[in-house]
Amino acid sequence: MNLPVKITYRHLQASQALTQLIQAEASKLDRLYDRIVGCHVLVEQEQRHIRHGAPFHVRIDIGVPGSELVIDTEPSLRTTPADEDAVVSRRKSAEVAAKYKDPALAVRDAFRRAKRRLRDYARRIR
């Protein structure tokens, strides 16, 4: 079965390489669970911020019979609470959502979460 995938880009230009990556990852989902009705992928670049650059946000809506699975990679704005005695250092690796500065990484992470969620859904249906 050929999975119908609708791709929407917001605040960035459509990229052929990113579109091919999304199509390839969606076909893997189709092989995992063949009763998928539809798949909508939203890739957006958030507003530019002086400190954090412009992170990417990916949302995947997977339509399955009787339900819809929503996978959202929006980064959390909360950081982990630091110990009172610990010295908080400022590093690039300590940034919130540092891994979502590349759209391909955000797409791969979203589809990884989608596979896990779809696997759990298929297990519940059986």
PDB file of N, CA and C in Angstrom:
ATOM      1  N   MET A   1       0.834  -1.175   0.000  1.00  0.00           N
ATOM      2  CA  MET A   1       0.000   0.000   0.000  1.00  0.00           C
ATOM      3  C   MET A   1       0.881   1.241   0.000  1.00  0.00           C
ATOM      4  N   ASN A   2       0.493   2.235  -0.783  1.00  0.00           N
ATOM      5  CA  ASN A   2       1.249   3.471  -0.866  1.00  0.00           C
ATOM      6  C   ASN A   2       0.620   4.496   0.064  1.00  0.00           C
ATOM      7  N   LEU A   3       1.345   4.890   1.074  1.00  0.00           N
ATOM      8  CA  LEU A   3       0.845   5.799   2.104  1.00  0.00           C
ATOM      9  C   LEU A   3       0.751   7.221   1.558  1.00  0.00           C
ATOM     10  N   PRO A   4      -0.445   7.852   1.630  1.00  0.00           N
ATOM     11  CA  PRO A   4      -0.555   9.250   1.195  1.00  0.00           C
ATOM     12  C   PRO A   4       0.042  10.178   2.253  1.00  0.00           C
ATOM     13  N   VAL A   5       1.055  10.946   1.873  1.00  0.00           N
ATOM     14  CA  VAL A   5       1.741  11.837   2.798  1.00  0.00           C
ATOM     15  C   VAL A   5       1.550  13.276   2.321  1.00  0.00           C
ATOM     16  N   LYS A   6       1.063  14.112   3.211  1.00  0.00           N
ATOM     17  CA  LYS A   6       0.919  15.533   2.919  1.00  0.00           C
ATOM     18  C   LYS A   6       1.974  16.265   3.741  1.00  0.00           C
ATOM     19  N   ILE A   7       2.811  17.055   3.075  1.00  0.00           N
ATOM     20  CA  ILE A   7       3.903  17.755   3.739  1.00  0.00           C
ATOM     21  C   ILE A   7       3.647  19.260   3.648  1.00  0.00           C
ATOM     22  N   THR A   8       3.732  19.929   4.789  1.00  0.00           N
ATOM     23  CA  THR A   8       3.542  21.370   4.847  1.00  0.00           C
ATOM     24  C   THR A   8       4.775  22.005   5.468  1.00  0.00           C
ATOM     25  N   TYR A   9       5.275  23.061   4.821  1.00  0.00           N
ATOM     26  CA  TYR A   9       6.414  23.809   5.336  1.00  0.00           C
ATOM     27  C   TYR A   9       5.922  25.191   5.762  1.00  0.00           C
ATOM     28  N   ARG A  10       6.343  25.637   6.942  1.00  0.00           N
ATOM     29  CA  ARG A  10       6.009  26.980   7.417  1.00  0.00           C
ATOM     30  C   ARG A  10       7.284  27.731   7.767  1.00  0.00           C
ATOM     31  N   HIS A  11       7.379  28.931   7.279  1.00  0.00           N
ATOM     32  CA  HIS A  11       8.490  29.842   7.555  1.00  0.00           C
ATOM     33  C   HIS A  11       9.833  29.314   7.053  1.00  0.00           C
ATOM     34  N   LEU A  12       9.815  28.439   6.066  1.00  0.00           N
ATOM     35  CA  LEU A  12      11.039  27.998   5.424  1.00  0.00           C
ATOM     36  C   LEU A  12      10.701  27.484   4.028  1.00  0.00           C
ATOM     37  N   GLN A  13      11.692  27.465   3.181  1.00  0.00           N
ATOM     38  CA  GLN A  13      11.504  27.002   1.810  1.00  0.00           C
ATOM     39  C   GLN A  13      11.442  25.477   1.773  1.00  0.00           C
ATOM     40  N   ALA A  14      10.622  24.953   0.878  1.00  0.00           N
ATOM     41  CA  ALA A  14      10.538  23.501   0.710  1.00  0.00           C
ATOM     42  C   ALA A  14      11.857  22.998   0.131  1.00  0.00           C
ATOM     43  N   SER A  15      12.363  21.946   0.734  1.00  0.00           N
ATOM     44  CA  SER A  15      13.634  21.368   0.320  1.00  0.00           C
ATOM     45  C   SER A  15      13.386  19.987  -0.272  1.00  0.00           C
ATOM     46  N   GLN A  16      14.005  19.718  -1.403  1.00  0.00           N
ATOM     47  CA  GLN A  16      13.842  18.419  -2.057  1.00  0.00           C
ATOM     48  C   GLN A  16      14.431  17.302  -1.192  1.00  0.00           C
ATOM     49  N   ALA A  17      15.573  17.568  -0.571  1.00  0.00           N
ATOM     50  CA  ALA A  17      16.212  16.555   0.276  1.00  0.00           C
ATOM     51  C   ALA A  17      15.351  16.252   1.505  1.00  0.00           C
ATOM     52  N   LEU A  18      14.767  17.283   2.109  1.00  0.00           N
ATOM     53  CA  LEU A  18      13.917  17.084   3.276  1.00  0.00           C
ATOM     54  C   LEU A  18      12.628  16.357   2.906  1.00  0.00           C
ATOM     55  N   THR A  19      12.087  16.678   1.736  1.00  0.00           N
ATOM     56  CA  THR A  19      10.884  15.997   1.252  1.00  0.00           C
ATOM     57  C   THR A  19      11.156  14.514   1.013  1.00  0.00           C
ATOM     58  N   GLN A  20      12.293  14.194   0.422  1.00  0.00           N
ATOM     59  CA  GLN A  20      12.655  12.792   0.201  1.00  0.00           C
ATOM     60  C   GLN A  20      12.863  12.058   1.515  1.00  0.00           C
ATOM     61  N   LEU A  21      13.457  12.723   2.495  1.00  0.00           N
ATOM     62  CA  LEU A  21      13.653  12.112   3.810  1.00  0.00           C
ATOM     63  C   LEU A  21      12.311  11.801   4.462  1.00  0.00           C
ATOM     64  N   ILE A  22      11.379  12.731   4.380  1.00  0.00           N
ATOM     65  CA  ILE A  22      10.054  12.524   4.963  1.00  0.00           C
ATOM     66  C   ILE A  22       9.332  11.381   4.263  1.00  0.00           C
ATOM     67  N   GLN A  23       9.412  11.325   2.932  1.00  0.00           N
ATOM     68  CA  GLN A  23       8.779  10.237   2.179  1.00  0.00           C
ATOM     69  C   GLN A  23       9.380   8.882   2.560  1.00  0.00           C
ATOM     70  N   ALA A  24      10.702   8.827   2.718  1.00  0.00           N
ATOM     71  CA  ALA A  24      11.365   7.568   3.076  1.00  0.00           C
ATOM     72  C   ALA A  24      10.964   7.117   4.480  1.00  0.00           C
ATOM     73  N   GLU A  25      10.916   8.061   5.422  1.00  0.00           N
ATOM     74  CA  GLU A  25      10.525   7.705   6.787  1.00  0.00           C
ATOM     75  C   GLU A  25       9.053   7.295   6.849  1.00  0.00           C
ATOM     76  N   ALA A  26       8.200   7.933   6.057  1.00  0.00           N
ATOM     77  CA  ALA A  26       6.780   7.574   6.039  1.00  0.00           C
ATOM     78  C   ALA A  26       6.572   6.190   5.439  1.00  0.00           C
ATOM     79  N   SER A  27       7.379   5.819   4.462  1.00  0.00           N
ATOM     80  CA  SER A  27       7.244   4.480   3.894  1.00  0.00           C
ATOM     81  C   SER A  27       7.662   3.406   4.912  1.00  0.00           C
ATOM     82  N   LYS A  28       8.598   3.744   5.796  1.00  0.00           N
ATOM     83  CA  LYS A  28       8.963   2.814   6.871  1.00  0.00           C
ATOM     84  C   LYS A  28       7.797   2.623   7.834  1.00  0.00           C
ATOM     85  N   LEU A  29       7.051   3.716   8.114  1.00  0.00           N
ATOM     86  CA  LEU A  29       5.866   3.597   8.955  1.00  0.00           C
ATOM     87  C   LEU A  29       4.823   2.713   8.302  1.00  0.00           C
ATOM     88  N   ASP A  30       4.680   2.839   6.989  1.00  0.00           N
ATOM     89  CA  ASP A  30       3.701   2.039   6.257  1.00  0.00           C
ATOM     90  C   ASP A  30       4.051   0.558   6.314  1.00  0.00           C
ATOM     91  N   ARG A  31       5.345   0.240   6.286  1.00  0.00           N
ATOM     92  CA  ARG A  31       5.758  -1.164   6.406  1.00  0.00           C
ATOM     93  C   ARG A  31       5.531  -1.691   7.818  1.00  0.00           C
ATOM     94  N   LEU A  32       5.634  -0.804   8.797  1.00  0.00           N
ATOM     95  CA  LEU A  32       5.446  -1.201  10.191  1.00  0.00           C
ATOM     96  C   LEU A  32       3.978  -1.522  10.489  1.00  0.00           C
ATOM     97  N   TYR A  33       3.063  -0.695   9.969  1.00  0.00           N
ATOM     98  CA  TYR A  33       1.632  -0.880  10.207  1.00  0.00           C
ATOM     99  C   TYR A  33       0.912  -0.489   8.919  1.00  0.00           C
ATOM    100  N   ASP A  34       0.360  -1.467   8.212  1.00  0.00           N
ATOM    101  CA  ASP A  34      -0.172  -1.223   6.870  1.00  0.00           C
ATOM    102  C   ASP A  34      -1.595  -0.669   6.826  1.00  0.00           C
ATOM    103  N   ARG A  35      -2.207  -0.395   7.980  1.00  0.00           N
ATOM    104  CA  ARG A  35      -3.577   0.128   7.989  1.00  0.00           C
ATOM    105  C   ARG A  35      -3.634   1.637   8.209  1.00  0.00           C
ATOM    106  N   ILE A  36      -2.556   2.333   7.944  1.00  0.00           N
ATOM    107  CA  ILE A  36      -2.519   3.788   8.091  1.00  0.00           C
ATOM    108  C   ILE A  36      -3.358   4.415   6.981  1.00  0.00           C
ATOM    109  N   VAL A  37      -4.247   5.329   7.379  1.00  0.00           N
ATOM    110  CA  VAL A  37      -5.147   5.971   6.422  1.00  0.00           C
ATOM    111  C   VAL A  37      -4.481   7.196   5.788  1.00  0.00           C
ATOM    112  N   GLY A  38      -3.790   7.993   6.581  1.00  0.00           N
ATOM    113  CA  GLY A  38      -3.152   9.192   6.058  1.00  0.00           C
ATOM    114  C   GLY A  38      -2.067   9.680   6.991  1.00  0.00           C
ATOM    115  N   CYS A  39      -1.210  10.532   6.460  1.00  0.00           N
ATOM    116  CA  CYS A  39      -0.104  11.075   7.243  1.00  0.00           C
ATOM    117  C   CYS A  39       0.117  12.525   6.820  1.00  0.00           C
ATOM    118  N   HIS A  40       0.089  13.421   7.790  1.00  0.00           N
ATOM    119  CA  HIS A  40       0.345  14.834   7.528  1.00  0.00           C
ATOM    120  C   HIS A  40       1.554  15.255   8.354  1.00  0.00           C
ATOM    121  N   VAL A  41       2.549  15.818   7.696  1.00  0.00           N
ATOM    122  CA  VAL A  41       3.777  16.235   8.355  1.00  0.00           C
ATOM    123  C   VAL A  41       3.913  17.747   8.217  1.00  0.00           C
ATOM    124  N   LEU A  42       4.082  18.417   9.341  1.00  0.00           N
ATOM    125  CA  LEU A  42       4.281  19.864   9.373  1.00  0.00           C
ATOM    126  C   LEU A  42       5.699  20.134   9.847  1.00  0.00           C
ATOM    127  N   VAL A  43       6.465  20.852   9.038  1.00  0.00           N
ATOM    128  CA  VAL A  43       7.827  21.253   9.404  1.00  0.00           C
ATOM    129  C   VAL A  43       7.832  22.776   9.412  1.00  0.00           C
ATOM    130  N   GLU A  44       8.163  23.344  10.564  1.00  0.00           N
ATOM    131  CA  GLU A  44       8.191  24.805  10.638  1.00  0.00           C
ATOM    132  C   GLU A  44       9.434  25.280  11.356  1.00  0.00           C
ATOM    133  N   GLN A  45       9.865  26.454  10.942  1.00  0.00           N
ATOM    134  CA  GLN A  45      10.985  27.103  11.609  1.00  0.00           C
ATOM    135  C   GLN A  45      10.386  28.165  12.515  1.00  0.00           C
ATOM    136  N   GLU A  46      10.702  28.073  13.787  1.00  0.00           N
ATOM    137  CA  GLU A  46      10.139  29.009  14.747  1.00  0.00           C
ATOM    138  C   GLU A  46      10.778  30.380  14.575  1.00  0.00           C
ATOM    139  N   GLN A  47      10.197  31.348  15.238  1.00  0.00           N
ATOM    140  CA  GLN A  47      10.708  32.716  15.140  1.00  0.00           C
ATOM    141  C   GLN A  47      12.158  32.768  15.609  1.00  0.00           C
ATOM    142  N   ARG A  48      12.916  33.576  14.948  1.00  0.00           N
ATOM    143  CA  ARG A  48      14.332  33.707  15.318  1.00  0.00           C
ATOM    144  C   ARG A  48      14.467  34.296  16.710  1.00  0.00           C
ATOM    145  N   HIS A  49      15.424  33.769  17.431  1.00  0.00           N
ATOM    146  CA  HIS A  49      15.700  34.265  18.769  1.00  0.00           C
ATOM    147  C   HIS A  49      17.178  34.581  18.834  1.00  0.00           C
ATOM    148  N   ILE A  50      17.528  35.630  19.511  1.00  0.00           N
ATOM    149  CA  ILE A  50      18.913  36.077  19.546  1.00  0.00           C
ATOM    150  C   ILE A  50      19.833  35.003  20.121  1.00  0.00           C
ATOM    151  N   ARG A  51      19.412  34.361  21.187  1.00  0.00           N
ATOM    152  CA  ARG A  51      20.278  33.385  21.847  1.00  0.00           C
ATOM    153  C   ARG A  51      20.194  31.985  21.258  1.00  0.00           C
ATOM    154  N   HIS A  52      19.020  31.573  20.889  1.00  0.00           N
ATOM    155  CA  HIS A  52      18.827  30.174  20.525  1.00  0.00           C
ATOM    156  C   HIS A  52      18.716  29.925  19.027  1.00  0.00           C
ATOM    157  N   GLY A  53      18.969  30.890  18.190  1.00  0.00           N
ATOM    158  CA  GLY A  53      18.866  30.685  16.764  1.00  0.00           C
ATOM    159  C   GLY A  53      17.413  30.508  16.351  1.00  0.00           C
ATOM    160  N   ALA A  54      17.170  29.657  15.395  1.00  0.00           N
ATOM    161  CA  ALA A  54      15.810  29.409  14.928  1.00  0.00           C
ATOM    162  C   ALA A  54      15.565  27.906  14.933  1.00  0.00           C
ATOM    163  N   PRO A  55      15.080  27.356  16.030  1.00  0.00           N
ATOM    164  CA  PRO A  55      14.867  25.910  16.087  1.00  0.00           C
ATOM    165  C   PRO A  55      13.723  25.472  15.179  1.00  0.00           C
ATOM    166  N   PHE A  56      13.739  24.192  14.814  1.00  0.00           N
ATOM    167  CA  PHE A  56      12.720  23.615  13.946  1.00  0.00           C
ATOM    168  C   PHE A  56      11.745  22.803  14.774  1.00  0.00           C
ATOM    169  N   HIS A  57      10.519  22.821  14.347  1.00  0.00           N
ATOM    170  CA  HIS A  57       9.436  22.116  15.020  1.00  0.00           C
ATOM    171  C   HIS A  57       8.781  21.188  13.992  1.00  0.00           C
ATOM    172  N   VAL A  58       8.589  19.930  14.353  1.00  0.00           N
ATOM    173  CA  VAL A  58       7.975  18.954  13.465  1.00  0.00           C
ATOM    174  C   VAL A  58       6.772  18.340  14.165  1.00  0.00           C
ATOM    175  N   ARG A  59       5.659  18.260  13.450  1.00  0.00           N
ATOM    176  CA  ARG A  59       4.452  17.635  13.972  1.00  0.00           C
ATOM    177  C   ARG A  59       3.974  16.632  12.933  1.00  0.00           C
ATOM    178  N   ILE A  60       3.663  15.421  13.390  1.00  0.00           N
ATOM    179  CA  ILE A  60       3.180  14.370  12.505  1.00  0.00           C
ATOM    180  C   ILE A  60       1.805  13.930  12.990  1.00  0.00           C
ATOM    181  N   ASP A  61       0.820  13.964  12.100  1.00  0.00           N
ATOM    182  CA  ASP A  61      -0.524  13.466  12.373  1.00  0.00           C
ATOM    183  C   ASP A  61      -0.714  12.208  11.542  1.00  0.00           C
ATOM    184  N   ILE A  62      -0.894  11.078  12.218  1.00  0.00           N
ATOM    185  CA  ILE A  62      -1.073   9.798  11.533  1.00  0.00           C
ATOM    186  C   ILE A  62      -2.514   9.344  11.739  1.00  0.00           C
ATOM    187  N   GLY A  63      -3.224   9.199  10.652  1.00  0.00           N
ATOM    188  CA  GLY A  63      -4.597   8.720  10.727  1.00  0.00           C
ATOM    189  C   GLY A  63      -4.636   7.208  10.649  1.00  0.00           C
ATOM    190  N   VAL A  64      -5.207   6.590  11.663  1.00  0.00           N
ATOM    191  CA  VAL A  64      -5.388   5.142  11.703  1.00  0.00           C
ATOM    192  C   VAL A  64      -6.881   4.880  11.894  1.00  0.00           C
ATOM    193  N   PRO A  65      -7.368   3.705  11.560  1.00  0.00           N
ATOM    194  CA  PRO A  65      -8.802   3.431  11.702  1.00  0.00           C
ATOM    195  C   PRO A  65      -9.289   3.662  13.136  1.00  0.00           C
ATOM    196  N   GLY A  66     -10.228   4.595  13.276  1.00  0.00           N
ATOM    197  CA  GLY A  66     -10.822   4.856  14.571  1.00  0.00           C
ATOM    198  C   GLY A  66     -10.069   5.813  15.462  1.00  0.00           C
ATOM    199  N   SER A  67      -8.916   6.319  15.032  1.00  0.00           N
ATOM    200  CA  SER A  67      -8.129   7.198  15.898  1.00  0.00           C
ATOM    201  C   SER A  67      -7.153   8.013  15.068  1.00  0.00           C
ATOM    202  N   GLU A  68      -6.482   8.922  15.742  1.00  0.00           N
ATOM    203  CA  GLU A  68      -5.424   9.702  15.117  1.00  0.00           C
ATOM    204  C   GLU A  68      -4.279   9.822  16.115  1.00  0.00           C
ATOM    205  N   LEU A  69      -3.079   9.551  15.659  1.00  0.00           N
ATOM    206  CA  LEU A  69      -1.891   9.661  16.502  1.00  0.00           C
ATOM    207  C   LEU A  69      -1.182  10.968  16.171  1.00  0.00           C
ATOM    208  N   VAL A  70      -0.866  11.745  17.195  1.00  0.00           N
ATOM    209  CA  VAL A  70      -0.198  13.031  17.009  1.00  0.00           C
ATOM    210  C   VAL A  70       1.160  12.974  17.684  1.00  0.00           C
ATOM    211  N   ILE A  71       2.188  13.253  16.910  1.00  0.00           N
ATOM    212  CA  ILE A  71       3.549  13.266  17.422  1.00  0.00           C
ATOM    213  C   ILE A  71       4.065  14.687  17.259  1.00  0.00           C
ATOM    214  N   ASP A  72       4.549  15.261  18.338  1.00  0.00           N
ATOM    215  CA  ASP A  72       4.961  16.654  18.344  1.00  0.00           C
ATOM    216  C   ASP A  72       6.357  16.745  18.935  1.00  0.00           C
ATOM    217  N   THR A  73       7.280  17.393  18.234  1.00  0.00           N
ATOM    218  CA  THR A  73       8.652  17.493  18.731  1.00  0.00           C
ATOM    219  C   THR A  73       8.954  18.865  19.296  1.00  0.00           C
ATOM    220  N   GLU A  74       7.920  19.565  19.710  1.00  0.00           N
ATOM    221  CA  GLU A  74       8.162  20.896  20.254  1.00  0.00           C
ATOM    222  C   GLU A  74       9.010  20.766  21.513  1.00  0.00           C
ATOM    223  N   PRO A  75      10.111  21.501  21.568  1.00  0.00           N
ATOM    224  CA  PRO A  75      11.002  21.376  22.719  1.00  0.00           C
ATOM    225  C   PRO A  75      10.368  21.946  23.976  1.00  0.00           C
ATOM    226  N   SER A  76      10.731  21.373  25.083  1.00  0.00           N
ATOM    227  CA  SER A  76      10.252  21.853  26.368  1.00  0.00           C
ATOM    228  C   SER A  76      10.998  23.125  26.738  1.00  0.00           C
ATOM    229  N   LEU A  77      10.281  24.075  27.283  1.00  0.00           N
ATOM    230  CA  LEU A  77      10.927  25.311  27.701  1.00  0.00           C
ATOM    231  C   LEU A  77      11.473  25.211  29.110  1.00  0.00           C
ATOM    232  N   ARG A  78      11.159  24.129  29.791  1.00  0.00           N
ATOM    233  CA  ARG A  78      11.661  23.928  31.152  1.00  0.00           C
ATOM    234  C   ARG A  78      12.996  23.223  31.117  1.00  0.00           C
ATOM    235  N   THR A  79      13.913  23.700  31.890  1.00  0.00           N
ATOM    236  CA  THR A  79      15.183  23.002  32.049  1.00  0.00           C
ATOM    237  C   THR A  79      15.099  22.174  33.317  1.00  0.00           C
ATOM    238  N   THR A  80      15.992  21.248  33.458  1.00  0.00           N
ATOM    239  CA  THR A  80      15.992  20.433  34.656  1.00  0.00           C
ATOM    240  C   THR A  80      16.448  21.280  35.839  1.00  0.00           C
ATOM    241  N   PRO A  81      15.822  21.129  36.985  1.00  0.00           N
ATOM    242  CA  PRO A  81      16.218  21.950  38.124  1.00  0.00           C
ATOM    243  C   PRO A  81      17.620  21.589  38.593  1.00  0.00           C
ATOM    244  N   ALA A  82      18.413  22.603  38.808  1.00  0.00           N
ATOM    245  CA  ALA A  82      19.792  22.387  39.246  1.00  0.00           C
ATOM    246  C   ALA A  82      19.828  22.286  40.761  1.00  0.00           C
ATOM    247  N   ASP A  83      20.789  21.534  41.253  1.00  0.00           N
ATOM    248  CA  ASP A  83      20.980  21.467  42.703  1.00  0.00           C
ATOM    249  C   ASP A  83      21.414  22.841  43.209  1.00  0.00           C
ATOM    250  N   GLU A  84      21.081  23.116  44.441  1.00  0.00           N
ATOM    251  CA  GLU A  84      21.437  24.410  45.000  1.00  0.00           C
ATOM    252  C   GLU A  84      22.946  24.572  45.116  1.00  0.00           C
ATOM    253  N   ASP A  85      23.655  23.468  45.343  1.00  0.00           N
ATOM    254  CA  ASP A  85      25.101  23.536  45.507  1.00  0.00           C
ATOM    255  C   ASP A  85      25.840  23.467  44.174  1.00  0.00           C
ATOM    256  N   ALA A  86      25.158  22.988  43.146  1.00  0.00           N
ATOM    257  CA  ALA A  86      25.814  22.809  41.850  1.00  0.00           C
ATOM    258  C   ALA A  86      25.994  24.152  41.153  1.00  0.00           C
ATOM    259  N   VAL A  87      27.079  24.254  40.440  1.00  0.00           N
ATOM    260  CA  VAL A  87      27.351  25.463  39.685  1.00  0.00           C
ATOM    261  C   VAL A  87      26.748  25.284  38.302  1.00  0.00           C
ATOM    262  N   VAL A  88      25.897  26.209  37.921  1.00  0.00           N
ATOM    263  CA  VAL A  88      25.257  26.128  36.608  1.00  0.00           C
ATOM    264  C   VAL A  88      26.175  26.774  35.595  1.00  0.00           C
ATOM    265  N   SER A  89      26.603  25.984  34.608  1.00  0.00           N
ATOM    266  CA  SER A  89      27.498  26.512  33.589  1.00  0.00           C
ATOM    267  C   SER A  89      26.714  26.731  32.298  1.00  0.00           C
ATOM    268  N   ARG A  90      27.126  27.700  31.550  1.00  0.00           N
ATOM    269  CA  ARG A  90      26.475  28.006  30.278  1.00  0.00           C
ATOM    270  C   ARG A  90      27.313  27.404  29.162  1.00  0.00           C
ATOM    271  N   ARG A  91      26.742  26.424  28.509  1.00  0.00           N
ATOM    272  CA  ARG A  91      27.403  25.772  27.391  1.00  0.00           C
ATOM    273  C   ARG A  91      26.406  25.598  26.263  1.00  0.00           C
ATOM    274  N   LYS A  92      26.926  25.407  25.092  1.00  0.00           N
ATOM    275  CA  LYS A  92      26.073  25.172  23.927  1.00  0.00           C
ATOM    276  C   LYS A  92      25.289  23.879  24.101  1.00  0.00           C
ATOM    277  N   SER A  93      25.884  22.858  24.708  1.00  0.00           N
ATOM    278  CA  SER A  93      25.205  21.582  24.887  1.00  0.00           C
ATOM    279  C   SER A  93      24.093  21.651  25.923  1.00  0.00           C
ATOM    280  N   ALA A  94      24.092  22.680  26.766  1.00  0.00           N
ATOM    281  CA  ALA A  94      23.072  22.812  27.797  1.00  0.00           C
ATOM    282  C   ALA A  94      21.864  23.609  27.315  1.00  0.00           C
ATOM    283  N   GLU A  95      21.877  24.042  26.060  1.00  0.00           N
ATOM    284  CA  GLU A  95      20.765  24.817  25.529  1.00  0.00           C
ATOM    285  C   GLU A  95      19.512  23.966  25.434  1.00  0.00           C
ATOM    286  N   VAL A  96      18.388  24.605  25.567  1.00  0.00           N
ATOM    287  CA  VAL A  96      17.117  23.924  25.374  1.00  0.00           C
ATOM    288  C   VAL A  96      16.957  23.685  23.879  1.00  0.00           C
ATOM    289  N   ALA A  97      16.682  22.459  23.499  1.00  0.00           N
ATOM    290  CA  ALA A  97      16.411  22.084  22.106  1.00  0.00           C
ATOM    291  C   ALA A  97      17.568  22.348  21.159  1.00  0.00           C
ATOM    292  N   ALA A  98      18.782  22.121  21.600  1.00  0.00           N
ATOM    293  CA  ALA A  98      19.933  22.341  20.732  1.00  0.00           C
ATOM    294  C   ALA A  98      19.934  21.381  19.546  1.00  0.00           C
ATOM    295  N   LYS A  99      19.327  20.197  19.700  1.00  0.00           N
ATOM    296  CA  LYS A  99      19.362  19.224  18.613  1.00  0.00           C
ATOM    297  C   LYS A  99      18.372  19.531  17.511  1.00  0.00           C
ATOM    298  N   TYR A 100      17.446  20.466  17.726  1.00  0.00           N
ATOM    299  CA  TYR A 100      16.458  20.778  16.713  1.00  0.00           C
ATOM    300  C   TYR A 100      16.851  21.967  15.854  1.00  0.00           C
ATOM    301  N   LYS A 101      18.114  22.297  15.817  1.00  0.00           N
ATOM    302  CA  LYS A 101      18.563  23.376  14.956  1.00  0.00           C
ATOM    303  C   LYS A 101      18.780  22.900  13.528  1.00  0.00           C
ATOM    304  N   ASP A 102      18.715  21.609  13.318  1.00  0.00           N
ATOM    305  CA  ASP A 102      18.818  21.024  11.986  1.00  0.00           C
ATOM    306  C   ASP A 102      17.475  20.378  11.658  1.00  0.00           C
ATOM    307  N   PRO A 103      16.839  20.732  10.537  1.00  0.00           N
ATOM    308  CA  PRO A 103      15.518  20.171  10.245  1.00  0.00           C
ATOM    309  C   PRO A 103      15.534  18.664  10.018  1.00  0.00           C
ATOM    310  N   ALA A 104      16.616  18.131   9.464  1.00  0.00           N
ATOM    311  CA  ALA A 104      16.683  16.685   9.224  1.00  0.00           C
ATOM    312  C   ALA A 104      16.699  15.920  10.549  1.00  0.00           C
ATOM    313  N   LEU A 105      17.413  16.435  11.546  1.00  0.00           N
ATOM    314  CA  LEU A 105      17.432  15.778  12.850  1.00  0.00           C
ATOM    315  C   LEU A 105      16.066  15.829  13.513  1.00  0.00           C
ATOM    316  N   ALA A 106      15.380  16.953  13.368  1.00  0.00           N
ATOM    317  CA  ALA A 106      14.044  17.083  13.944  1.00  0.00           C
ATOM    318  C   ALA A 106      13.075  16.107  13.284  1.00  0.00           C
ATOM    319  N   VAL A 107      13.186  15.936  11.968  1.00  0.00           N
ATOM    320  CA  VAL A 107      12.308  15.002  11.243  1.00  0.00           C
ATOM    321  C   VAL A 107      12.604  13.564  11.660  1.00  0.00           C
ATOM    322  N   ARG A 108      13.875  13.205  11.726  1.00  0.00           N
ATOM    323  CA  ARG A 108      14.232  11.836  12.130  1.00  0.00           C
ATOM    324  C   ARG A 108      13.759  11.523  13.547  1.00  0.00           C
ATOM    325  N   ASP A 109      13.918  12.486  14.452  1.00  0.00           N
ATOM    326  CA  ASP A 109      13.486  12.280  15.824  1.00  0.00           C
ATOM    327  C   ASP A 109      11.967  12.143  15.899  1.00  0.00           C
ATOM    328  N   ALA A 110      11.248  12.944  15.135  1.00  0.00           N
ATOM    329  CA  ALA A 110       9.784  12.856  15.131  1.00  0.00           C
ATOM    330  C   ALA A 110       9.320  11.506  14.593  1.00  0.00           C
ATOM    331  N   PHE A 111       9.937  11.018  13.538  1.00  0.00           N
ATOM    332  CA  PHE A 111       9.545   9.722  12.988  1.00  0.00           C
ATOM    333  C   PHE A 111       9.968   8.566  13.896  1.00  0.00           C
ATOM    334  N   ARG A 112      11.043   8.745  14.637  1.00  0.00           N
ATOM    335  CA  ARG A 112      11.428   7.719  15.612  1.00  0.00           C
ATOM    336  C   ARG A 112      10.358   7.607  16.693  1.00  0.00           C
ATOM    337  N   ARG A 113       9.872   8.752  17.150  1.00  0.00           N
ATOM    338  CA  ARG A 113       8.778   8.746  18.127  1.00  0.00           C
ATOM    339  C   ARG A 113       7.497   8.179  17.528  1.00  0.00           C
ATOM    340  N   ALA A 114       7.256   8.479  16.257  1.00  0.00           N
ATOM    341  CA  ALA A 114       6.051   7.976  15.585  1.00  0.00           C
ATOM    342  C   ALA A 114       6.092   6.456  15.478  1.00  0.00           C
ATOM    343  N   LYS A 115       7.259   5.894  15.176  1.00  0.00           N
ATOM    344  CA  LYS A 115       7.379   4.434  15.103  1.00  0.00           C
ATOM    345  C   LYS A 115       7.051   3.793  16.443  1.00  0.00           C
ATOM    346  N   ARG A 116       7.576   4.369  17.499  1.00  0.00           N
ATOM    347  CA  ARG A 116       7.318   3.822  18.825  1.00  0.00           C
ATOM    348  C   ARG A 116       5.835   3.919  19.170  1.00  0.00           C
ATOM    349  N   ARG A 117       5.216   5.068  18.879  1.00  0.00           N
ATOM    350  CA  ARG A 117       3.796   5.249  19.175  1.00  0.00           C
ATOM    351  C   ARG A 117       2.923   4.330  18.326  1.00  0.00           C
ATOM    352  N   LEU A 118       3.284   4.144  17.058  1.00  0.00           N
ATOM    353  CA  LEU A 118       2.529   3.267  16.168  1.00  0.00           C
ATOM    354  C   LEU A 118       2.669   1.807  16.577  1.00  0.00           C
ATOM    355  N   ARG A 119       3.852   1.432  17.019  1.00  0.00           N
ATOM    356  CA  ARG A 119       4.073   0.070  17.509  1.00  0.00           C
ATOM    357  C   ARG A 119       3.206  -0.205  18.740  1.00  0.00           C
ATOM    358  N   ASP A 120       3.140   0.750  19.649  1.00  0.00           N
ATOM    359  CA  ASP A 120       2.293   0.600  20.836  1.00  0.00           C
ATOM    360  C   ASP A 120       0.818   0.538  20.458  1.00  0.00           C
ATOM    361  N   TYR A 121       0.405   1.344  19.486  1.00  0.00           N
ATOM    362  CA  TYR A 121      -0.988   1.334  19.037  1.00  0.00           C
ATOM    363  C   TYR A 121      -1.336  -0.024  18.425  1.00  0.00           C
ATOM    364  N   ALA A 122      -0.458  -0.546  17.582  1.00  0.00           N
ATOM    365  CA  ALA A 122      -0.708  -1.846  16.935  1.00  0.00           C
ATOM    366  C   ALA A 122      -0.784  -2.961  17.986  1.00  0.00           C
ATOM    367  N   ARG A 123       0.048  -2.872  19.000  1.00  0.00           N
ATOM    368  CA  ARG A 123       0.040  -3.870  20.069  1.00  0.00           C
ATOM    369  C   ARG A 123      -1.294  -3.821  20.831  1.00  0.00           C
ATOM    370  N   ARG A 124      -1.795  -2.613  21.108  1.00  0.00           N
ATOM    371  CA  ARG A 124      -3.073  -2.475  21.803  1.00  0.00           C
ATOM    372  C   ARG A 124      -4.240  -3.003  20.978  1.00  0.00           C
ATOM    373  N   ILE A 125      -4.198  -2.777  19.661  1.00  0.00           N
ATOM    374  CA  ILE A 125      -5.276  -3.246  18.788  1.00  0.00           C
ATOM    375  C   ILE A 125      -5.301  -4.771  18.727  1.00  0.00           C
ATOM    376  N   ARG A 126      -4.159  -5.398  18.698  1.00  0.00           N
ATOM    377  CA  ARG A 126      -4.105  -6.863  18.660  1.00  0.00           C
ATOM    378  C   ARG A 126      -4.605  -7.406  19.964  1.00  0.00           C
TER     379      ARG A 126
END
